[in-house]
Structure formats: structure tokens, C-alpha cells
Amino acid sequence: MPRVLLTGFEPFGGEPTNPSWRAVRAAAAEPPPGFEMFAVELPCVYGGSLTALRAAVADTRPEIVVCVGQAGGRPDITVERVAINVDDARIPDVSGAEPVDEAIVPGGPAAYFSTLPVKACVAAVRAAGLPASVSNTAGTFVCNHVFYGLAHLLATELPGVRGGFVHVPYAPEQVTDRGLPSLPVASVARALREIAVTAARTTTDLRVAEGATH
């Protein structure tokens, strides 16, 4: 039985909710048949998020880790391809920290690629009737911090475990007065289940064009 750890974040940036945590919790509450899924909420804090992530991995002993974060303004489920070794905060994290041009892991690789089959995951979400795409930037806020920290942990200590990061849009109730794209939390949870199943069953990614010109 595949064991999948899903993580989401607490609210940040003045938002009253974070759809990443709500969707993760909903997905894990109704796992796909034959799957065991765990949901853990991470603090939206540099450093502390990685401490919580490491503890969650140790506690659940997953085969697959899918970390999830909110990307307000994006219209679809975006499966991240690459994490970069830099923290560069445009806004403070929940603790008030605003690191600028700091390495996440001093002396670590400049970047890590996701070890999830990102293009197959996107295809599975689309096949389920939901919008999805490959993203080539996870930003430089706490989402990228967690993505890079996860990738470094897996590469250096847990090479048999695969993992990656997914960004999700705002929930509808977050944008009633802003005219920004959104997706219902239930739809995001369904997408996360598709991603988990695809990641567990796919070891060789699709070779299809999902690039970007900018």
C-alpha cells in the first residue's frame, strides 16, 4: 500500500485561510483505494517549515511526498519542476522574517529537479477535467524553501523516497472582491489525489512539450 505524505501551509500574507492546507486535509481524508495518505500543516516560516517537514517525514515514513502551497493569481494546478537554493522574501513570513539572497542550504546544489513525474501528473489532472500545467518557478518564498529543503533531504538522506511541490490557486471565497482566478478546494483535493496516484504508479515521465518561452 503506497504511503503518501501531503503537506499544506497555514495562512499567510493577511489571508484568512490557505487552500493548500484545506485541500491536503480533504484529499487525505478520502484517499484513493489502496493508498494510505497523511496530511500535515506546515508553518509559513523560513527554517521552521523544514523542521516540521523533517518531523512529518520521520513520523509517517512515506514513499511519496507532495508538498502543496498557495499561489494566488495562478489559474490552475501547477506542478513544480525545479527548486532553487535561495530565499529572497518580497513579503515577511508569518514570523516576520524577510531573508534576502540567502542560501537555503549553504554549499548545496544551485537547484534540484522534482523527483515526481511532473508531466504525467499534469496530464492526469487534466484528464480528470481540471486545469493544470508544469511550472518552472516555485518562487523564492517559503514554498520554494520547503521544496528545496525536501529535495535536499531526499537526495542526501532518503534516496528511496520521491517528492515534489504543487502550487494551487486561491479558493473562491478569497477572491470575491478581487476578480482573480480560483478553484474550489474540493477540486484541488481531487487533483492532489490524481497526482498522488500518478506519482506512485509512474517511474518514467511523459516526454511531451510543457515548456515556456518566458
N, C-alpha and C. Protein backbone atom coordinates (compact mmCIF):
# COMPACT_ATOMS: atom_id res chain seq x y z
N MET A 1 0.84 -1.20 0.00
CA MET A 1 0.00 0.00 0.00
C MET A 1 0.88 1.25 0.00
N PRO A 2 0.85 2.04 -1.08
CA PRO A 2 1.68 3.25 -1.12
C PRO A 2 1.33 4.21 0.02
N ARG A 3 2.37 4.76 0.64
CA ARG A 3 2.20 5.73 1.71
C ARG A 3 2.58 7.11 1.16
N VAL A 4 1.65 8.05 1.23
CA VAL A 4 1.84 9.38 0.66
C VAL A 4 1.68 10.43 1.74
N LEU A 5 2.68 11.28 1.89
CA LEU A 5 2.59 12.43 2.79
C LEU A 5 2.24 13.67 1.98
N LEU A 6 1.16 14.34 2.38
CA LEU A 6 0.78 15.61 1.78
C LEU A 6 0.97 16.70 2.83
N THR A 7 1.58 17.80 2.44
CA THR A 7 1.71 18.93 3.36
C THR A 7 1.10 20.18 2.74
N GLY A 8 0.48 21.00 3.59
CA GLY A 8 -0.02 22.30 3.19
C GLY A 8 0.46 23.34 4.19
N PHE A 9 0.13 24.59 3.95
CA PHE A 9 0.61 25.68 4.79
C PHE A 9 -0.53 26.36 5.56
N GLU A 10 -0.15 26.96 6.68
CA GLU A 10 -1.05 27.85 7.39
C GLU A 10 -1.26 29.12 6.55
N PRO A 11 -2.28 29.93 6.87
CA PRO A 11 -2.49 31.18 6.14
C PRO A 11 -1.31 32.14 6.30
N PHE A 12 -1.09 32.97 5.28
CA PHE A 12 -0.03 33.97 5.33
C PHE A 12 -0.46 35.18 4.53
N GLY A 13 0.32 36.25 4.66
CA GLY A 13 0.07 37.46 3.86
C GLY A 13 -1.26 38.12 4.13
N GLY A 14 -1.81 37.94 5.32
CA GLY A 14 -3.08 38.56 5.65
C GLY A 14 -4.31 37.80 5.20
N GLU A 15 -4.12 36.64 4.55
CA GLU A 15 -5.26 35.84 4.11
C GLU A 15 -5.88 35.11 5.31
N PRO A 16 -7.21 34.98 5.33
CA PRO A 16 -7.86 34.29 6.45
C PRO A 16 -7.77 32.78 6.37
N THR A 17 -7.39 32.24 5.22
CA THR A 17 -7.35 30.80 5.02
C THR A 17 -6.24 30.47 4.04
N ASN A 18 -5.89 29.21 3.96
CA ASN A 18 -4.91 28.76 2.96
C ASN A 18 -5.46 27.51 2.30
N PRO A 19 -5.82 27.59 1.01
CA PRO A 19 -6.44 26.45 0.35
C PRO A 19 -5.51 25.24 0.24
N SER A 20 -4.21 25.46 0.35
CA SER A 20 -3.29 24.31 0.26
C SER A 20 -3.54 23.35 1.42
N TRP A 21 -3.66 23.87 2.64
CA TRP A 21 -3.90 23.00 3.78
C TRP A 21 -5.29 22.40 3.73
N ARG A 22 -6.28 23.18 3.37
CA ARG A 22 -7.64 22.65 3.31
C ARG A 22 -7.76 21.54 2.28
N ALA A 23 -7.11 21.69 1.14
CA ALA A 23 -7.17 20.67 0.09
C ALA A 23 -6.40 19.42 0.48
N VAL A 24 -5.25 19.60 1.10
CA VAL A 24 -4.45 18.47 1.55
C VAL A 24 -5.23 17.65 2.57
N ARG A 25 -5.84 18.33 3.51
CA ARG A 25 -6.61 17.65 4.55
C ARG A 25 -7.79 16.89 3.94
N ALA A 26 -8.47 17.50 2.97
CA ALA A 26 -9.60 16.85 2.32
C ALA A 26 -9.15 15.64 1.50
N ALA A 27 -8.02 15.77 0.81
CA ALA A 27 -7.52 14.66 0.00
C ALA A 27 -7.16 13.47 0.87
N ALA A 28 -6.49 13.73 1.98
CA ALA A 28 -6.06 12.64 2.85
C ALA A 28 -7.23 12.00 3.58
N ALA A 29 -8.31 12.75 3.78
CA ALA A 29 -9.48 12.21 4.47
C ALA A 29 -10.20 11.16 3.63
N GLU A 30 -10.04 11.23 2.31
CA GLU A 30 -10.65 10.25 1.41
C GLU A 30 -9.60 9.78 0.42
N PRO A 31 -8.64 8.96 0.87
CA PRO A 31 -7.56 8.53 -0.01
C PRO A 31 -8.05 7.62 -1.13
N PRO A 32 -7.33 7.57 -2.23
CA PRO A 32 -7.68 6.63 -3.29
C PRO A 32 -7.60 5.20 -2.77
N PRO A 33 -8.39 4.29 -3.33
CA PRO A 33 -8.35 2.90 -2.89
C PRO A 33 -6.93 2.33 -2.94
N GLY A 34 -6.52 1.67 -1.86
CA GLY A 34 -5.20 1.06 -1.81
C GLY A 34 -4.09 2.00 -1.40
N PHE A 35 -4.42 3.24 -1.06
CA PHE A 35 -3.41 4.23 -0.66
C PHE A 35 -3.59 4.61 0.80
N GLU A 36 -2.48 4.90 1.45
CA GLU A 36 -2.50 5.47 2.80
C GLU A 36 -1.95 6.88 2.68
N MET A 37 -2.73 7.87 3.11
CA MET A 37 -2.33 9.26 2.94
C MET A 37 -2.34 9.98 4.28
N PHE A 38 -1.34 10.83 4.46
CA PHE A 38 -1.19 11.61 5.68
C PHE A 38 -1.17 13.09 5.32
N ALA A 39 -1.81 13.92 6.13
CA ALA A 39 -1.84 15.36 5.91
C ALA A 39 -1.20 16.07 7.10
N VAL A 40 -0.27 16.96 6.81
CA VAL A 40 0.42 17.72 7.85
C VAL A 40 0.44 19.19 7.44
N GLU A 41 0.11 20.07 8.38
CA GLU A 41 0.16 21.51 8.14
C GLU A 41 1.53 22.04 8.55
N LEU A 42 2.18 22.76 7.65
CA LEU A 42 3.48 23.37 7.93
C LEU A 42 3.31 24.84 8.27
N PRO A 43 4.15 25.38 9.15
CA PRO A 43 4.14 26.82 9.38
C PRO A 43 4.71 27.54 8.17
N CYS A 44 4.17 28.71 7.86
CA CYS A 44 4.70 29.50 6.75
C CYS A 44 5.85 30.35 7.27
N VAL A 45 6.92 29.65 7.62
CA VAL A 45 8.06 30.26 8.29
C VAL A 45 9.34 29.66 7.71
N TYR A 46 10.27 30.50 7.34
CA TYR A 46 11.58 30.00 6.92
C TYR A 46 12.20 29.22 8.07
N GLY A 47 12.86 28.13 7.77
CA GLY A 47 13.51 27.33 8.80
C GLY A 47 12.54 26.43 9.53
N GLY A 48 11.59 27.01 10.23
CA GLY A 48 10.63 26.22 10.98
C GLY A 48 9.81 25.28 10.13
N SER A 49 9.54 25.68 8.89
CA SER A 49 8.79 24.81 7.98
C SER A 49 9.57 23.53 7.67
N LEU A 50 10.87 23.66 7.53
CA LEU A 50 11.69 22.48 7.24
C LEU A 50 11.84 21.59 8.46
N THR A 51 11.88 22.18 9.64
CA THR A 51 11.90 21.37 10.86
C THR A 51 10.63 20.54 10.96
N ALA A 52 9.49 21.17 10.68
CA ALA A 52 8.22 20.46 10.73
C ALA A 52 8.13 19.41 9.63
N LEU A 53 8.64 19.72 8.46
CA LEU A 53 8.62 18.76 7.36
C LEU A 53 9.46 17.53 7.69
N ARG A 54 10.65 17.75 8.21
CA ARG A 54 11.52 16.62 8.57
C ARG A 54 10.83 15.73 9.61
N ALA A 55 10.17 16.34 10.59
CA ALA A 55 9.47 15.56 11.61
C ALA A 55 8.33 14.76 10.99
N ALA A 56 7.60 15.38 10.06
CA ALA A 56 6.48 14.70 9.42
C ALA A 56 6.96 13.50 8.61
N VAL A 57 8.07 13.66 7.90
CA VAL A 57 8.62 12.55 7.12
C VAL A 57 9.06 11.42 8.04
N ALA A 58 9.70 11.76 9.14
CA ALA A 58 10.14 10.74 10.10
C ALA A 58 8.95 10.02 10.72
N ASP A 59 7.88 10.75 11.00
CA ASP A 59 6.71 10.16 11.66
C ASP A 59 5.91 9.25 10.73
N THR A 60 5.80 9.62 9.46
CA THR A 60 4.91 8.90 8.55
C THR A 60 5.63 7.90 7.64
N ARG A 61 6.92 8.04 7.48
CA ARG A 61 7.74 7.14 6.65
C ARG A 61 7.11 6.93 5.26
N PRO A 62 6.91 8.01 4.51
CA PRO A 62 6.22 7.89 3.22
C PRO A 62 7.15 7.39 2.11
N GLU A 63 6.50 6.93 1.05
CA GLU A 63 7.22 6.62 -0.19
C GLU A 63 7.17 7.80 -1.16
N ILE A 64 6.12 8.61 -1.02
CA ILE A 64 5.92 9.80 -1.86
C ILE A 64 5.60 10.97 -0.95
N VAL A 65 6.21 12.14 -1.24
CA VAL A 65 5.89 13.36 -0.51
C VAL A 65 5.46 14.42 -1.53
N VAL A 66 4.28 14.98 -1.32
CA VAL A 66 3.78 16.07 -2.17
C VAL A 66 3.51 17.26 -1.26
N CYS A 67 4.36 18.27 -1.36
CA CYS A 67 4.15 19.50 -0.61
C CYS A 67 3.32 20.45 -1.47
N VAL A 68 2.42 21.16 -0.83
CA VAL A 68 1.46 21.98 -1.56
C VAL A 68 1.43 23.38 -0.96
N GLY A 69 1.34 24.39 -1.83
CA GLY A 69 1.28 25.77 -1.37
C GLY A 69 0.34 26.60 -2.22
N GLN A 70 -0.07 27.72 -1.68
CA GLN A 70 -0.94 28.66 -2.39
C GLN A 70 -0.13 29.56 -3.31
N ALA A 71 -0.60 29.70 -4.55
CA ALA A 71 -0.01 30.65 -5.49
C ALA A 71 -1.12 31.56 -5.98
N GLY A 72 -1.46 32.55 -5.18
CA GLY A 72 -2.54 33.45 -5.53
C GLY A 72 -2.29 34.15 -6.85
N GLY A 73 -3.28 34.10 -7.74
CA GLY A 73 -3.16 34.70 -9.07
C GLY A 73 -2.97 33.68 -10.17
N ARG A 74 -2.44 32.50 -9.82
CA ARG A 74 -2.34 31.45 -10.84
C ARG A 74 -3.73 30.85 -11.07
N PRO A 75 -4.03 30.48 -12.33
CA PRO A 75 -5.38 30.00 -12.62
C PRO A 75 -5.56 28.49 -12.53
N ASP A 76 -4.46 27.76 -12.34
CA ASP A 76 -4.57 26.31 -12.44
C ASP A 76 -3.68 25.61 -11.41
N ILE A 77 -3.78 24.29 -11.37
CA ILE A 77 -2.91 23.47 -10.55
C ILE A 77 -1.55 23.43 -11.25
N THR A 78 -0.51 23.88 -10.58
CA THR A 78 0.81 23.91 -11.22
C THR A 78 1.77 22.98 -10.49
N VAL A 79 2.26 22.00 -11.22
CA VAL A 79 3.21 21.03 -10.68
C VAL A 79 4.62 21.58 -10.94
N GLU A 80 5.35 21.81 -9.87
CA GLU A 80 6.65 22.48 -9.99
C GLU A 80 7.73 21.53 -10.48
N ARG A 81 8.57 22.05 -11.39
CA ARG A 81 9.65 21.25 -11.95
C ARG A 81 10.96 21.37 -11.16
N VAL A 82 11.26 22.59 -10.63
CA VAL A 82 12.59 22.83 -10.09
C VAL A 82 12.53 23.72 -8.85
N ALA A 83 13.38 23.42 -7.89
CA ALA A 83 13.55 24.25 -6.68
C ALA A 83 14.95 24.85 -6.70
N ILE A 84 15.09 26.11 -6.32
CA ILE A 84 16.39 26.77 -6.33
C ILE A 84 16.85 27.11 -4.92
N ASN A 85 18.17 27.16 -4.75
CA ASN A 85 18.77 27.30 -3.43
C ASN A 85 18.90 28.76 -3.02
N VAL A 86 17.76 29.44 -2.90
CA VAL A 86 17.80 30.84 -2.46
C VAL A 86 16.49 31.22 -1.79
N ASP A 87 16.61 31.95 -0.69
CA ASP A 87 15.49 32.62 -0.06
C ASP A 87 15.60 34.11 -0.38
N ASP A 88 14.53 34.69 -0.92
CA ASP A 88 14.52 36.11 -1.27
C ASP A 88 13.10 36.61 -1.08
N ALA A 89 12.82 37.15 0.10
CA ALA A 89 11.45 37.42 0.52
C ALA A 89 10.96 38.78 0.04
N ARG A 90 9.86 38.77 -0.72
CA ARG A 90 9.19 40.02 -1.10
C ARG A 90 8.29 40.51 0.02
N ILE A 91 7.76 39.56 0.79
CA ILE A 91 6.94 39.87 1.96
C ILE A 91 7.48 39.06 3.14
N PRO A 92 7.22 39.48 4.37
CA PRO A 92 7.70 38.69 5.51
C PRO A 92 6.92 37.39 5.66
N ASP A 93 7.59 36.38 6.23
CA ASP A 93 6.86 35.17 6.57
C ASP A 93 6.02 35.44 7.81
N VAL A 94 5.34 34.43 8.31
CA VAL A 94 4.43 34.63 9.43
C VAL A 94 5.16 35.09 10.69
N SER A 95 6.44 34.74 10.82
CA SER A 95 7.22 35.17 11.98
C SER A 95 7.81 36.57 11.82
N GLY A 96 7.68 37.14 10.61
CA GLY A 96 8.25 38.46 10.34
C GLY A 96 9.60 38.42 9.67
N ALA A 97 10.14 37.23 9.42
CA ALA A 97 11.46 37.11 8.78
C ALA A 97 11.38 37.47 7.30
N GLU A 98 12.40 38.19 6.81
CA GLU A 98 12.48 38.58 5.40
C GLU A 98 13.89 38.37 4.87
N PRO A 99 14.33 37.13 4.73
CA PRO A 99 15.68 36.89 4.21
C PRO A 99 15.81 37.37 2.77
N VAL A 100 16.98 37.87 2.45
CA VAL A 100 17.25 38.35 1.09
C VAL A 100 18.54 37.70 0.60
N ASP A 101 18.44 37.02 -0.53
CA ASP A 101 19.60 36.40 -1.19
C ASP A 101 20.38 35.48 -0.24
N GLU A 102 19.66 34.68 0.53
CA GLU A 102 20.30 33.73 1.45
C GLU A 102 20.12 32.31 0.93
N ALA A 103 21.18 31.51 1.03
CA ALA A 103 21.09 30.11 0.62
C ALA A 103 20.21 29.35 1.60
N ILE A 104 19.41 28.45 1.07
CA ILE A 104 18.61 27.57 1.92
C ILE A 104 19.52 26.54 2.58
N VAL A 105 20.41 25.97 1.78
CA VAL A 105 21.42 25.04 2.27
C VAL A 105 22.78 25.57 1.83
N PRO A 106 23.52 26.24 2.71
CA PRO A 106 24.83 26.76 2.31
C PRO A 106 25.71 25.66 1.72
N GLY A 107 26.24 25.91 0.54
CA GLY A 107 27.08 24.93 -0.13
C GLY A 107 26.31 23.86 -0.86
N GLY A 108 24.97 23.91 -0.81
CA GLY A 108 24.16 22.92 -1.52
C GLY A 108 24.10 23.21 -3.01
N PRO A 109 23.57 22.27 -3.78
CA PRO A 109 23.43 22.49 -5.22
C PRO A 109 22.60 23.73 -5.52
N ALA A 110 22.84 24.34 -6.66
CA ALA A 110 22.06 25.53 -7.04
C ALA A 110 20.58 25.21 -7.17
N ALA A 111 20.27 23.97 -7.58
CA ALA A 111 18.87 23.61 -7.80
C ALA A 111 18.69 22.10 -7.73
N TYR A 112 17.47 21.70 -7.52
CA TYR A 112 17.06 20.29 -7.61
C TYR A 112 15.83 20.20 -8.49
N PHE A 113 15.78 19.16 -9.32
CA PHE A 113 14.56 18.86 -10.05
C PHE A 113 13.65 17.99 -9.18
N SER A 114 12.35 18.16 -9.37
CA SER A 114 11.38 17.29 -8.71
C SER A 114 11.66 15.85 -9.09
N THR A 115 11.44 14.94 -8.16
CA THR A 115 11.56 13.52 -8.49
C THR A 115 10.18 12.90 -8.73
N LEU A 116 9.17 13.73 -8.84
CA LEU A 116 7.86 13.27 -9.28
C LEU A 116 7.79 13.34 -10.81
N PRO A 117 6.94 12.54 -11.44
CA PRO A 117 6.76 12.62 -12.89
C PRO A 117 5.86 13.82 -13.21
N VAL A 118 6.44 14.99 -13.29
CA VAL A 118 5.65 16.21 -13.31
C VAL A 118 4.69 16.29 -14.51
N LYS A 119 5.15 15.86 -15.68
CA LYS A 119 4.29 15.96 -16.86
C LYS A 119 3.17 14.92 -16.83
N ALA A 120 3.46 13.74 -16.32
CA ALA A 120 2.40 12.73 -16.17
C ALA A 120 1.38 13.18 -15.14
N CYS A 121 1.83 13.85 -14.10
CA CYS A 121 0.90 14.36 -13.08
C CYS A 121 -0.02 15.42 -13.68
N VAL A 122 0.54 16.32 -14.47
CA VAL A 122 -0.27 17.35 -15.14
C VAL A 122 -1.29 16.70 -16.06
N ALA A 123 -0.85 15.71 -16.82
CA ALA A 123 -1.76 15.02 -17.74
C ALA A 123 -2.91 14.35 -16.99
N ALA A 124 -2.61 13.76 -15.84
CA ALA A 124 -3.65 13.08 -15.04
C ALA A 124 -4.67 14.07 -14.50
N VAL A 125 -4.21 15.23 -14.06
CA VAL A 125 -5.14 16.24 -13.55
C VAL A 125 -6.03 16.75 -14.68
N ARG A 126 -5.44 16.98 -15.83
CA ARG A 126 -6.25 17.43 -16.98
C ARG A 126 -7.27 16.37 -17.38
N ALA A 127 -6.85 15.10 -17.34
CA ALA A 127 -7.77 14.02 -17.70
C ALA A 127 -8.95 13.93 -16.74
N ALA A 128 -8.74 14.42 -15.52
CA ALA A 128 -9.82 14.46 -14.53
C ALA A 128 -10.72 15.68 -14.71
N GLY A 129 -10.44 16.48 -15.73
CA GLY A 129 -11.29 17.62 -16.04
C GLY A 129 -10.93 18.90 -15.32
N LEU A 130 -9.69 18.97 -14.81
CA LEU A 130 -9.25 20.14 -14.06
C LEU A 130 -8.05 20.80 -14.75
N PRO A 131 -7.90 22.12 -14.64
CA PRO A 131 -6.80 22.81 -15.31
C PRO A 131 -5.48 22.58 -14.59
N ALA A 132 -4.43 22.32 -15.36
CA ALA A 132 -3.11 22.07 -14.77
C ALA A 132 -2.02 22.39 -15.77
N SER A 133 -0.83 22.67 -15.25
CA SER A 133 0.33 22.93 -16.11
C SER A 133 1.60 22.68 -15.31
N VAL A 134 2.70 22.55 -16.06
CA VAL A 134 4.02 22.48 -15.44
C VAL A 134 4.49 23.89 -15.15
N SER A 135 5.03 24.12 -13.97
CA SER A 135 5.61 25.41 -13.61
C SER A 135 7.12 25.26 -13.49
N ASN A 136 7.83 26.26 -14.00
CA ASN A 136 9.29 26.25 -13.93
C ASN A 136 9.84 27.19 -12.87
N THR A 137 8.97 27.73 -12.04
CA THR A 137 9.44 28.53 -10.91
C THR A 137 8.49 28.37 -9.73
N ALA A 138 9.05 28.00 -8.60
CA ALA A 138 8.29 27.90 -7.36
C ALA A 138 8.43 29.16 -6.53
N GLY A 139 8.99 30.22 -7.14
CA GLY A 139 9.20 31.47 -6.43
C GLY A 139 10.43 31.42 -5.54
N THR A 140 10.52 32.37 -4.61
CA THR A 140 11.64 32.41 -3.66
C THR A 140 11.14 32.63 -2.24
N PHE A 141 9.86 32.32 -2.02
CA PHE A 141 9.27 32.47 -0.69
C PHE A 141 9.32 31.11 0.02
N VAL A 142 8.47 30.89 1.00
CA VAL A 142 8.56 29.69 1.82
C VAL A 142 8.21 28.43 1.02
N CYS A 143 7.40 28.54 -0.02
CA CYS A 143 7.10 27.37 -0.85
C CYS A 143 8.36 26.80 -1.48
N ASN A 144 9.14 27.64 -2.13
CA ASN A 144 10.39 27.17 -2.71
C ASN A 144 11.35 26.69 -1.62
N HIS A 145 11.34 27.36 -0.48
CA HIS A 145 12.17 26.97 0.67
C HIS A 145 11.87 25.52 1.06
N VAL A 146 10.59 25.19 1.15
CA VAL A 146 10.19 23.83 1.52
C VAL A 146 10.50 22.84 0.39
N PHE A 147 10.24 23.24 -0.83
CA PHE A 147 10.52 22.37 -1.98
C PHE A 147 12.01 22.02 -2.04
N TYR A 148 12.85 23.03 -1.92
CA TYR A 148 14.29 22.77 -1.96
C TYR A 148 14.72 21.94 -0.75
N GLY A 149 14.22 22.29 0.43
CA GLY A 149 14.58 21.54 1.63
C GLY A 149 14.17 20.09 1.53
N LEU A 150 12.97 19.84 0.99
CA LEU A 150 12.52 18.46 0.78
C LEU A 150 13.45 17.74 -0.18
N ALA A 151 13.73 18.37 -1.32
CA ALA A 151 14.59 17.73 -2.32
C ALA A 151 15.97 17.41 -1.76
N HIS A 152 16.51 18.32 -0.96
CA HIS A 152 17.82 18.08 -0.37
C HIS A 152 17.76 16.93 0.63
N LEU A 153 16.71 16.89 1.43
CA LEU A 153 16.54 15.79 2.39
C LEU A 153 16.46 14.45 1.67
N LEU A 154 15.67 14.39 0.62
CA LEU A 154 15.52 13.13 -0.10
C LEU A 154 16.82 12.73 -0.79
N ALA A 155 17.52 13.69 -1.37
CA ALA A 155 18.74 13.38 -2.10
C ALA A 155 19.88 12.94 -1.19
N THR A 156 19.94 13.49 0.01
CA THR A 156 21.08 13.24 0.88
C THR A 156 20.83 12.21 1.96
N GLU A 157 19.54 11.99 2.31
CA GLU A 157 19.25 11.08 3.41
C GLU A 157 18.23 10.00 3.09
N LEU A 158 17.35 10.25 2.13
CA LEU A 158 16.26 9.32 1.85
C LEU A 158 16.11 9.11 0.33
N PRO A 159 17.14 8.59 -0.32
CA PRO A 159 17.11 8.48 -1.78
C PRO A 159 16.02 7.56 -2.32
N GLY A 160 15.44 6.71 -1.49
CA GLY A 160 14.38 5.84 -1.96
C GLY A 160 13.01 6.49 -1.97
N VAL A 161 12.92 7.69 -1.42
CA VAL A 161 11.65 8.41 -1.36
C VAL A 161 11.63 9.45 -2.47
N ARG A 162 10.46 9.61 -3.11
CA ARG A 162 10.33 10.62 -4.17
C ARG A 162 9.40 11.73 -3.69
N GLY A 163 9.64 12.94 -4.21
CA GLY A 163 8.81 14.05 -3.77
C GLY A 163 8.89 15.25 -4.67
N GLY A 164 7.97 16.18 -4.43
CA GLY A 164 7.94 17.40 -5.20
C GLY A 164 6.95 18.38 -4.62
N PHE A 165 6.63 19.40 -5.40
CA PHE A 165 5.80 20.51 -4.91
C PHE A 165 4.73 20.86 -5.94
N VAL A 166 3.56 21.23 -5.41
CA VAL A 166 2.43 21.63 -6.24
C VAL A 166 1.89 22.96 -5.71
N HIS A 167 1.68 23.92 -6.61
CA HIS A 167 1.04 25.18 -6.24
C HIS A 167 -0.42 25.15 -6.66
N VAL A 168 -1.28 25.76 -5.84
CA VAL A 168 -2.72 25.77 -6.13
C VAL A 168 -3.24 27.20 -6.09
N PRO A 169 -4.34 27.48 -6.81
CA PRO A 169 -4.91 28.83 -6.83
C PRO A 169 -5.62 29.17 -5.53
N TYR A 170 -6.05 30.42 -5.45
CA TYR A 170 -6.93 30.84 -4.37
C TYR A 170 -8.21 29.99 -4.36
N ALA A 171 -8.82 29.88 -3.18
CA ALA A 171 -10.19 29.36 -3.08
C ALA A 171 -11.16 30.48 -3.46
N PRO A 172 -12.36 30.14 -3.97
CA PRO A 172 -13.30 31.18 -4.43
C PRO A 172 -13.60 32.25 -3.39
N GLU A 173 -13.73 31.85 -2.13
CA GLU A 173 -14.10 32.84 -1.11
C GLU A 173 -12.99 33.85 -0.83
N GLN A 174 -11.77 33.58 -1.33
CA GLN A 174 -10.68 34.53 -1.15
C GLN A 174 -10.69 35.66 -2.17
N VAL A 175 -11.46 35.51 -3.23
CA VAL A 175 -11.37 36.47 -4.34
C VAL A 175 -12.72 37.10 -4.70
N THR A 176 -13.66 37.08 -3.79
CA THR A 176 -14.99 37.62 -4.11
C THR A 176 -14.96 39.09 -4.48
N ASP A 177 -13.94 39.83 -4.01
CA ASP A 177 -13.87 41.25 -4.33
C ASP A 177 -12.60 41.61 -5.10
N ARG A 178 -11.94 40.60 -5.69
CA ARG A 178 -10.66 40.87 -6.35
C ARG A 178 -10.61 40.45 -7.82
N GLY A 179 -11.56 39.68 -8.26
CA GLY A 179 -11.59 39.30 -9.66
C GLY A 179 -10.39 38.47 -10.09
N LEU A 180 -9.86 37.64 -9.20
CA LEU A 180 -8.71 36.80 -9.51
C LEU A 180 -9.16 35.35 -9.71
N PRO A 181 -8.36 34.54 -10.43
CA PRO A 181 -8.77 33.15 -10.65
C PRO A 181 -8.77 32.35 -9.36
N SER A 182 -9.64 31.33 -9.34
CA SER A 182 -9.75 30.49 -8.16
C SER A 182 -10.23 29.10 -8.57
N LEU A 183 -10.09 28.15 -7.64
CA LEU A 183 -10.62 26.80 -7.81
C LEU A 183 -11.22 26.35 -6.49
N PRO A 184 -12.33 25.63 -6.51
CA PRO A 184 -12.88 25.11 -5.26
C PRO A 184 -11.91 24.15 -4.58
N VAL A 185 -11.90 24.17 -3.27
CA VAL A 185 -10.99 23.30 -2.51
C VAL A 185 -11.24 21.84 -2.85
N ALA A 186 -12.50 21.45 -3.03
CA ALA A 186 -12.80 20.06 -3.36
C ALA A 186 -12.17 19.64 -4.69
N SER A 187 -12.13 20.56 -5.64
CA SER A 187 -11.49 20.26 -6.93
C SER A 187 -9.98 20.11 -6.77
N VAL A 188 -9.41 20.98 -5.96
CA VAL A 188 -7.96 20.88 -5.71
C VAL A 188 -7.64 19.56 -5.02
N ALA A 189 -8.47 19.15 -4.06
CA ALA A 189 -8.25 17.88 -3.37
C ALA A 189 -8.31 16.72 -4.36
N ARG A 190 -9.24 16.79 -5.29
CA ARG A 190 -9.33 15.74 -6.31
C ARG A 190 -8.08 15.70 -7.18
N ALA A 191 -7.57 16.87 -7.52
CA ALA A 191 -6.33 16.94 -8.29
C ALA A 191 -5.16 16.34 -7.53
N LEU A 192 -5.10 16.60 -6.23
CA LEU A 192 -4.00 16.07 -5.44
C LEU A 192 -4.05 14.54 -5.35
N ARG A 193 -5.25 13.99 -5.29
CA ARG A 193 -5.36 12.53 -5.32
C ARG A 193 -4.85 11.97 -6.64
N GLU A 194 -5.19 12.64 -7.74
CA GLU A 194 -4.71 12.19 -9.06
C GLU A 194 -3.18 12.26 -9.12
N ILE A 195 -2.62 13.32 -8.57
CA ILE A 195 -1.17 13.48 -8.57
C ILE A 195 -0.51 12.39 -7.74
N ALA A 196 -1.08 12.09 -6.58
CA ALA A 196 -0.51 11.06 -5.71
C ALA A 196 -0.52 9.70 -6.39
N VAL A 197 -1.65 9.34 -6.99
CA VAL A 197 -1.76 8.05 -7.67
C VAL A 197 -0.79 7.98 -8.84
N THR A 198 -0.72 9.04 -9.62
CA THR A 198 0.17 9.05 -10.78
C THR A 198 1.62 8.95 -10.34
N ALA A 199 1.99 9.67 -9.29
CA ALA A 199 3.37 9.63 -8.80
C ALA A 199 3.74 8.23 -8.33
N ALA A 200 2.81 7.57 -7.67
CA ALA A 200 3.10 6.24 -7.14
C ALA A 200 3.21 5.20 -8.24
N ARG A 201 2.50 5.40 -9.33
CA ARG A 201 2.44 4.37 -10.38
C ARG A 201 3.32 4.67 -11.58
N THR A 202 3.97 5.83 -11.60
CA THR A 202 4.74 6.24 -12.77
C THR A 202 6.19 6.49 -12.38
N THR A 203 7.10 5.77 -12.99
CA THR A 203 8.53 5.98 -12.72
C THR A 203 9.23 6.69 -13.87
N THR A 204 8.67 6.61 -15.06
CA THR A 204 9.24 7.30 -16.23
C THR A 204 8.24 8.35 -16.70
N ASP A 205 8.65 9.61 -16.70
CA ASP A 205 7.73 10.69 -17.04
C ASP A 205 7.39 10.71 -18.52
N LEU A 206 6.28 11.35 -18.85
CA LEU A 206 5.91 11.55 -20.25
C LEU A 206 6.93 12.46 -20.92
N ARG A 207 7.17 12.23 -22.20
CA ARG A 207 8.05 13.11 -22.97
C ARG A 207 7.16 13.92 -23.92
N VAL A 208 6.59 14.97 -23.38
CA VAL A 208 5.71 15.85 -24.14
C VAL A 208 6.12 17.29 -23.84
N ALA A 209 5.83 18.18 -24.77
CA ALA A 209 6.22 19.58 -24.59
C ALA A 209 5.34 20.25 -23.54
N GLU A 210 5.95 20.77 -22.49
CA GLU A 210 5.26 21.55 -21.46
C GLU A 210 6.12 22.74 -21.06
N GLY A 211 6.96 23.18 -22.00
CA GLY A 211 7.89 24.28 -21.70
C GLY A 211 7.24 25.64 -21.78
N ALA A 212 8.03 26.65 -21.54
CA ALA A 212 7.55 28.03 -21.58
C ALA A 212 8.60 28.91 -22.26
N THR A 213 8.13 29.97 -22.90
CA THR A 213 9.08 30.89 -23.55
C THR A 213 9.55 31.99 -22.62
N HIS A 214 8.90 32.14 -21.48
CA HIS A 214 9.32 33.16 -20.52
C HIS A 214 8.80 32.81 -19.14
